Amino acid sequence: MELIYQDHGSLKTPGRETKMTELNFKKGGGLLPVIVQDYSSREVLMLAYINEEAWEQTIATGKAHFWSRSRKKLWLKGESSKHYQIIKEILLDCDEDTVIYLVEQQGGAACHKGYRSCFFRRLQAADFEIKDEPVFDPAEVYKK
């Protein structure tokens, strides 16, 4: 589905316009979880949080914006790495307090540690093991 972003109150899909449902930001103390999945494969790439400003910026631009709980600020995913997440579809749960962003992941990786997915470790016996190969070197991308 192709989404065409307009103002903060509506989005237009070819052939129809839909009024936005209010997200229940009060329930989550102003923050709601967002599950980010690859649009084609449905692989889970990451979990992040949005506040109303991040939600509005995502709708306005068609790029995933989040609220950083550690930095206490709005961030555009990919602003440092150029690994933007282009919104293809947004799903809302029945309680209107969790969303799924189905995205086109640019740059091949969502994780700031260099992996395609932030979920690159799995429990094996009594410990977590790395199950994936890194896509990029964070030291090179973030110049830290």
Protein backbone atom coordinates (compact mmCIF):
# COMPACT_ATOMS: atom_id res chain seq x y z
CA MET A 1 0.00 0.00 0.00
CA GLU A 2 1.40 3.39 -0.93
CA LEU A 3 0.90 6.02 1.76
CA ILE A 4 0.85 9.68 0.89
CA TYR A 5 1.48 11.85 3.94
CA GLN A 6 -0.42 15.10 4.32
CA ASP A 7 -1.09 17.00 7.54
CA HIS A 8 -0.86 15.51 11.02
CA GLY A 9 -4.56 14.61 11.09
CA SER A 10 -4.92 12.48 8.01
CA LEU A 11 -3.17 10.33 5.52
CA LYS A 12 -4.25 9.60 2.02
CA THR A 13 -4.08 6.28 0.29
CA PRO A 14 -4.76 6.24 -3.42
CA GLY A 15 -8.52 6.46 -3.83
CA ARG A 16 -9.48 7.32 -0.23
CA GLU A 17 -8.75 9.54 2.73
CA THR A 18 -8.84 8.29 6.30
CA LYS A 19 -9.16 10.22 9.56
CA MET A 20 -6.46 9.30 12.07
CA THR A 21 -7.51 7.38 15.15
CA GLU A 22 -6.28 8.89 18.37
CA LEU A 23 -3.45 6.89 19.88
CA ASN A 24 -3.76 6.31 23.61
CA PHE A 25 -0.64 8.14 24.79
CA LYS A 26 -2.12 8.64 28.28
CA LYS A 27 -2.12 4.91 28.94
CA GLY A 28 1.64 4.67 28.45
CA GLY A 29 2.53 7.82 30.38
CA GLY A 30 3.09 9.72 27.14
CA LEU A 31 5.12 6.99 25.42
CA LEU A 32 3.93 4.09 23.31
CA PRO A 33 5.93 1.09 22.08
CA VAL A 34 6.55 0.68 18.37
CA ILE A 35 7.50 -2.67 16.89
CA VAL A 36 9.44 -2.09 13.67
CA GLN A 37 9.33 -4.82 11.05
CA ASP A 38 10.70 -5.19 7.54
CA TYR A 39 7.84 -4.56 5.11
CA SER A 40 8.68 -7.48 2.81
CA SER A 41 9.95 -10.21 5.14
CA ARG A 42 8.13 -9.16 8.35
CA GLU A 43 11.40 -9.67 10.26
CA VAL A 44 11.35 -7.77 13.57
CA LEU A 45 14.04 -5.10 13.31
CA MET A 46 13.68 -3.21 16.57
CA LEU A 47 11.45 -1.97 19.36
CA ALA A 48 11.35 1.73 20.17
CA TYR A 49 9.03 4.31 21.71
CA ILE A 50 7.09 7.28 20.39
CA ASN A 51 5.53 10.30 21.99
CA GLU A 52 3.00 12.52 20.21
CA GLU A 53 5.71 14.61 18.55
CA ALA A 54 7.49 11.53 17.17
CA TRP A 55 4.16 10.18 15.90
CA GLU A 56 3.34 13.48 14.18
CA GLN A 57 6.79 13.69 12.56
CA THR A 58 6.51 10.10 11.32
CA ILE A 59 3.12 10.81 9.75
CA ALA A 60 4.28 14.13 8.29
CA THR A 61 7.51 12.82 6.73
CA GLY A 62 6.96 9.13 6.04
CA LYS A 63 10.19 8.35 7.93
CA ALA A 64 10.31 6.69 11.36
CA HIS A 65 10.82 9.10 14.25
CA PHE A 66 11.09 7.98 17.86
CA TRP A 67 11.53 9.33 21.37
CA SER A 68 14.89 8.42 22.88
CA ARG A 69 14.32 7.48 26.51
CA SER A 70 18.05 7.65 27.29
CA ARG A 71 18.76 10.96 25.51
CA LYS A 72 15.30 12.40 26.31
CA LYS A 73 14.85 13.79 22.80
CA LEU A 74 13.15 13.21 19.48
CA TRP A 75 15.24 11.32 16.91
CA LEU A 76 14.87 10.47 13.27
CA LYS A 77 15.97 6.88 12.75
CA GLY A 78 18.98 7.11 10.46
CA GLU A 79 19.90 10.72 11.26
CA SER A 80 23.47 9.63 12.13
CA SER A 81 23.88 6.43 10.09
CA LYS A 82 21.74 7.36 7.05
CA HIS A 83 19.97 4.02 7.62
CA TYR A 84 16.50 5.58 7.45
CA GLN A 85 13.30 3.62 7.91
CA ILE A 86 10.76 4.48 5.23
CA ILE A 87 7.21 3.85 6.40
CA LYS A 88 5.25 1.52 4.14
CA GLU A 89 2.36 0.67 6.45
CA ILE A 90 1.34 1.31 10.05
CA LEU A 91 -0.69 -1.13 12.14
CA LEU A 92 -2.49 -0.26 15.37
CA ASP A 93 -3.46 -2.71 18.10
CA CYS A 94 -6.95 -3.09 19.56
CA ASP A 95 -6.18 -0.93 22.63
CA GLU A 96 -4.70 1.88 20.52
CA ASP A 97 -1.52 1.85 22.63
CA THR A 98 0.97 -0.10 20.48
CA VAL A 99 1.83 0.32 16.82
CA ILE A 100 3.78 -1.62 14.24
CA TYR A 101 5.75 0.21 11.60
CA LEU A 102 6.30 -1.86 8.48
CA VAL A 103 9.32 -0.23 6.88
CA GLU A 104 11.79 -0.29 4.07
CA GLN A 105 15.07 -0.41 5.99
CA GLN A 106 17.67 1.65 4.16
CA GLY A 107 21.35 0.81 4.57
CA GLY A 108 20.57 -2.81 5.35
CA ALA A 109 20.63 -2.50 9.14
CA ALA A 110 18.43 -1.16 11.92
CA CYS A 111 20.70 -1.87 14.89
CA HIS A 112 23.25 0.72 16.04
CA LYS A 113 25.60 -2.18 16.84
CA GLY A 114 25.82 -3.01 13.14
CA TYR A 115 23.31 -5.83 12.80
CA ARG A 116 20.28 -5.94 10.52
CA SER A 117 18.00 -6.47 13.54
CA CYS A 118 18.43 -5.40 17.14
CA PHE A 119 17.42 -8.98 17.98
CA PHE A 120 20.70 -10.57 16.88
CA ARG A 121 21.17 -12.73 20.01
CA ARG A 122 19.32 -15.89 21.04
CA LEU A 123 19.23 -17.85 24.25
CA GLN A 124 21.25 -21.03 23.87
CA ALA A 125 21.44 -23.22 26.98
CA ALA A 126 22.10 -20.73 29.80
CA ASP A 127 23.58 -17.86 27.80
CA PHE A 128 22.88 -15.63 24.82
CA GLU A 129 24.83 -16.23 21.63
CA ILE A 130 25.18 -13.99 18.60
CA LYS A 131 23.22 -15.58 15.76
CA ASP A 132 23.75 -13.01 12.99
CA GLU A 133 26.65 -11.37 11.18
CA PRO A 134 27.07 -7.60 11.40
CA VAL A 135 26.14 -5.58 8.31
CA PHE A 136 28.37 -2.61 9.12
CA ASP A 137 31.08 -1.47 11.53
CA PRO A 138 29.58 1.02 14.01
CA ALA A 139 32.97 2.70 14.57
CA GLU A 140 33.10 3.58 10.87
CA VAL A 141 29.47 4.69 10.55
CA TYR A 142 29.23 6.70 13.78
CA LYS A 143 32.89 7.86 13.86
CA LYS A 144 33.16 7.26 17.61
